Structures are given as C-alpha cells and as structure tokens.
C-alpha cells in the first residue's frame, strides 16, 4: 500500500520474481488496486482467496475512486496478499528495450496509449514509457534527415 501513497502512476506492472528483475505477468490500473484495497480483497494465506469482486464493483466507484490516503488497513493485515490475476490485463502492449522513439511515438498515437511497458529479450520488465515521457521530446524530419530534441518544460506547465 505504501507504494500507492508514494506514487501517482495510473498503472502498475505485475511481475513474477525472476532473479533481480521480474518477468511481465500483466498490468493493473492504480484505480483497480485502490478498489481492491477498499474492498479488502486480501487474504492471510494464498489458499484462502474467496472474494466476489465483479465489474460492477469497479463501475460503482467510477469516476470518483477512493483516495488511497482514506483507506485504512490495520497493521496485522499489511502483510496479507492479493491475487491480482483475475483483475489484471494479462497481455498489455509492450516494446523491446531497443525500440526507437519514433516507433514508440507511433504506437502511442495509433493506439491511444497512456503507457507502454518496456521489456528485454526474455520478457523481463525494464521500464515503462508514459505520455508524459513522450511529451518531453519532439521528433523532426527534414529532407531525409531525422532527429530528436528535448523540449524544455517549466514546472508551471506540469
């Protein structure tokens, strides 16, 4: 829960532990995690999972999801677990870490993405590109030449 308090990312990557990095398992929205915590969809032991959360549960909270700071979880429940498998997107859009910026930009534009997971050759998560990341750069083409420049964005514009 602490990572939800410390970050404002819209999505969270679900990973399976493999060495020091995690293999991509799926993607879940921050709002979905908050609804799951609000409905206490966590258990002390993994074999106890028996919660009936439906699409209606998520729709009832939309568009005014609870604030993470308003969700109280007792200390003894902080070590409990949630099986995210039923709620996550198991096949989010991804790019290899060697993908070019123009290719990533085209994917964002063509698919209307908010975020794109970056993976290595064995599908381990190495990062995430967001719309905000792309807004910092402008790609240009002129007479067969191509380049990229970083735009200066003031703090007031954020």
Protein backbone atom coordinates (compact mmCIF):
# COMPACT_ATOMS: atom_id res chain seq x y z
CA UNK A 1 0.00 0.00 0.00
CA UNK A 2 2.91 2.35 0.68
CA UNK A 3 3.90 2.42 -2.98
CA UNK A 4 0.42 3.74 -3.85
CA UNK A 5 0.91 6.57 -1.36
CA UNK A 6 4.34 7.39 -2.77
CA UNK A 7 3.49 7.22 -6.49
CA UNK A 8 0.82 8.68 -8.70
CA UNK A 9 1.25 6.37 -11.67
CA UNK A 10 -2.01 5.33 -13.29
CA UNK A 11 -0.87 1.76 -13.86
CA UNK A 12 1.23 -0.75 -12.01
CA UNK A 13 3.18 -3.57 -13.61
CA UNK A 14 2.50 -7.04 -12.26
CA UNK A 15 5.72 -9.10 -12.26
CA UNK A 16 6.78 -12.59 -11.35
CA UNK A 17 10.06 -12.69 -9.44
CA UNK A 18 12.94 -14.00 -11.55
CA UNK A 19 16.43 -13.20 -10.26
CA UNK A 20 16.52 -9.47 -9.52
CA UNK A 21 14.07 -8.41 -12.21
CA UNK A 22 10.53 -9.64 -12.79
CA UNK A 23 9.01 -11.27 -15.84
CA UNK A 24 5.93 -9.49 -17.11
CA UNK A 25 2.69 -11.08 -15.91
CA UNK A 26 0.29 -8.23 -16.62
CA UNK A 27 -0.78 -4.69 -15.89
CA UNK A 28 -3.28 -3.32 -13.40
CA UNK A 29 -4.59 0.21 -13.04
CA UNK A 30 -3.95 2.19 -9.88
CA UNK A 31 -7.69 2.76 -9.56
CA UNK A 32 -8.26 -1.00 -9.66
CA UNK A 33 -5.70 -1.57 -6.89
CA UNK A 34 -7.38 1.07 -4.76
CA UNK A 35 -10.82 -0.52 -5.25
CA UNK A 36 -9.37 -3.93 -4.31
CA UNK A 37 -7.82 -2.50 -1.14
CA UNK A 38 -11.01 -0.58 -0.31
CA UNK A 39 -12.98 -3.83 -0.58
CA UNK A 40 -10.32 -5.71 1.44
CA UNK A 41 -9.69 -8.30 -1.25
CA UNK A 42 -6.65 -9.64 0.53
CA UNK A 43 -6.07 -12.80 2.50
CA UNK A 44 -3.63 -14.04 5.08
CA UNK A 45 -2.85 -17.22 3.12
CA UNK A 46 -2.99 -17.62 -0.67
CA UNK A 47 -5.24 -20.71 -0.46
CA UNK A 48 -7.97 -18.66 1.27
CA UNK A 49 -8.88 -16.48 -1.73
CA UNK A 50 -12.67 -16.30 -1.86
CA UNK A 51 -13.72 -12.76 -2.77
CA UNK A 52 -16.50 -11.97 -5.17
CA UNK A 53 -15.47 -8.74 -6.84
CA UNK A 54 -17.29 -8.07 -10.09
CA UNK A 55 -17.04 -5.46 -12.81
CA UNK A 56 -19.96 -3.74 -11.10
CA UNK A 57 -17.79 -3.19 -8.01
CA UNK A 58 -15.32 -1.21 -10.12
CA UNK A 59 -18.05 0.63 -12.05
CA UNK A 60 -19.79 1.73 -8.85
CA UNK A 61 -16.63 3.57 -7.78
CA UNK A 62 -16.08 5.23 -11.19
CA UNK A 63 -15.21 8.09 -11.71
CA UNK A 64 -14.67 9.03 -8.08
CA UNK A 65 -12.38 6.32 -6.80
CA UNK A 66 -11.45 6.48 -3.12
CA UNK A 67 -8.22 8.25 -2.24
CA UNK A 68 -5.50 5.87 -1.10
CA UNK A 69 -4.88 8.03 1.98
CA UNK A 70 -8.51 7.44 3.04
CA UNK A 71 -8.18 3.65 3.09
CA UNK A 72 -7.33 2.23 6.49
CA UNK A 73 -5.73 -1.19 6.71
CA UNK A 74 -4.85 -2.48 10.20
CA UNK A 75 -1.18 -3.27 10.82
CA UNK A 76 -1.82 -7.02 11.12
CA UNK A 77 -3.37 -7.04 7.62
CA UNK A 78 -0.47 -5.20 5.96
CA UNK A 79 1.34 -8.49 5.26
CA UNK A 80 -1.69 -10.13 3.64
CA UNK A 81 -1.67 -10.83 -0.10
CA UNK A 82 -3.95 -10.21 -3.08
CA UNK A 83 -4.11 -12.46 -6.12
CA UNK A 84 -4.18 -9.86 -8.89
CA UNK A 85 -4.60 -12.42 -11.67
CA UNK A 86 -8.40 -12.08 -12.02
CA UNK A 87 -8.19 -8.27 -12.21
CA UNK A 88 -5.07 -7.53 -14.28
CA UNK A 89 -4.67 -7.22 -18.03
CA UNK A 90 -2.55 -10.31 -18.83
CA UNK A 91 -1.43 -9.03 -22.24
CA UNK A 92 -0.63 -5.30 -22.13
CA UNK A 93 1.14 -3.59 -25.02
CA UNK A 94 4.92 -3.85 -24.77
CA UNK A 95 8.05 -2.87 -26.69
CA UNK A 96 11.55 -4.28 -26.61
CA UNK A 97 14.15 -2.09 -24.91
CA UNK A 98 15.82 -1.49 -28.30
CA UNK A 99 12.68 0.11 -29.81
CA UNK A 100 13.20 3.54 -31.36
CA UNK A 101 11.48 6.69 -30.10
CA UNK A 102 9.64 7.25 -33.41
CA UNK A 103 8.23 3.70 -33.24
CA UNK A 104 7.11 4.19 -29.65
CA UNK A 105 5.58 7.54 -30.54
CA UNK A 106 3.63 5.96 -33.44
CA UNK A 107 2.31 3.24 -31.12
CA UNK A 108 1.11 5.84 -28.61
CA UNK A 109 -0.62 7.87 -31.33
CA UNK A 110 -2.13 4.95 -33.26
CA UNK A 111 -3.39 3.05 -30.21
CA UNK A 112 -4.17 5.98 -27.90
CA UNK A 113 -1.97 4.54 -25.17
CA UNK A 114 -1.32 6.08 -21.76
CA UNK A 115 1.67 3.86 -21.01
CA UNK A 116 3.82 1.23 -22.68
CA UNK A 117 5.85 -1.41 -20.85
CA UNK A 118 9.47 -1.87 -21.91
CA UNK A 119 10.83 -5.44 -21.73
CA UNK A 120 14.13 -7.11 -22.55
CA UNK A 121 14.66 -10.14 -24.80
CA UNK A 122 13.41 -12.59 -22.15
CA UNK A 123 10.32 -10.54 -21.24
CA UNK A 124 11.72 -9.09 -18.03
CA UNK A 125 10.33 -5.65 -17.25
CA UNK A 126 12.96 -2.92 -17.57
CA UNK A 127 10.74 0.16 -17.56
CA UNK A 128 7.61 1.97 -18.63
CA UNK A 129 7.11 4.84 -21.06
CA UNK A 130 4.23 7.23 -20.35
CA UNK A 131 2.57 10.01 -22.33
CA UNK A 132 4.36 12.49 -20.11
CA UNK A 133 7.72 10.96 -21.08
CA UNK A 134 6.93 11.39 -24.77
CA UNK A 135 5.68 14.96 -24.31
CA UNK A 136 9.25 15.95 -23.40
CA UNK A 137 10.57 15.20 -26.90
CA UNK A 138 9.89 16.30 -30.45
CA UNK A 139 10.94 14.20 -33.41
CA UNK A 140 11.67 16.06 -36.64
CA UNK A 141 12.24 15.06 -40.25
CA UNK A 142 13.74 17.31 -42.89
CA UNK A 143 14.90 16.27 -46.37
CA UNK A 144 15.54 12.65 -45.38
CA UNK A 145 17.27 13.55 -42.13
CA UNK A 146 15.70 12.80 -38.82
CA UNK A 147 16.40 13.98 -35.31
CA UNK A 148 15.02 14.46 -31.87
CA UNK A 149 15.13 17.33 -29.42
CA UNK A 150 14.17 17.56 -25.78
CA UNK A 151 11.66 20.28 -25.04
CA UNK A 152 12.10 22.50 -22.02
CA UNK A 153 9.01 22.15 -19.85
CA UNK A 154 8.55 24.51 -16.94
CA UNK A 155 7.30 23.27 -13.57
CA UNK A 156 4.27 25.54 -14.01
CA UNK A 157 3.23 23.55 -17.08
CA UNK A 158 3.05 20.27 -15.13
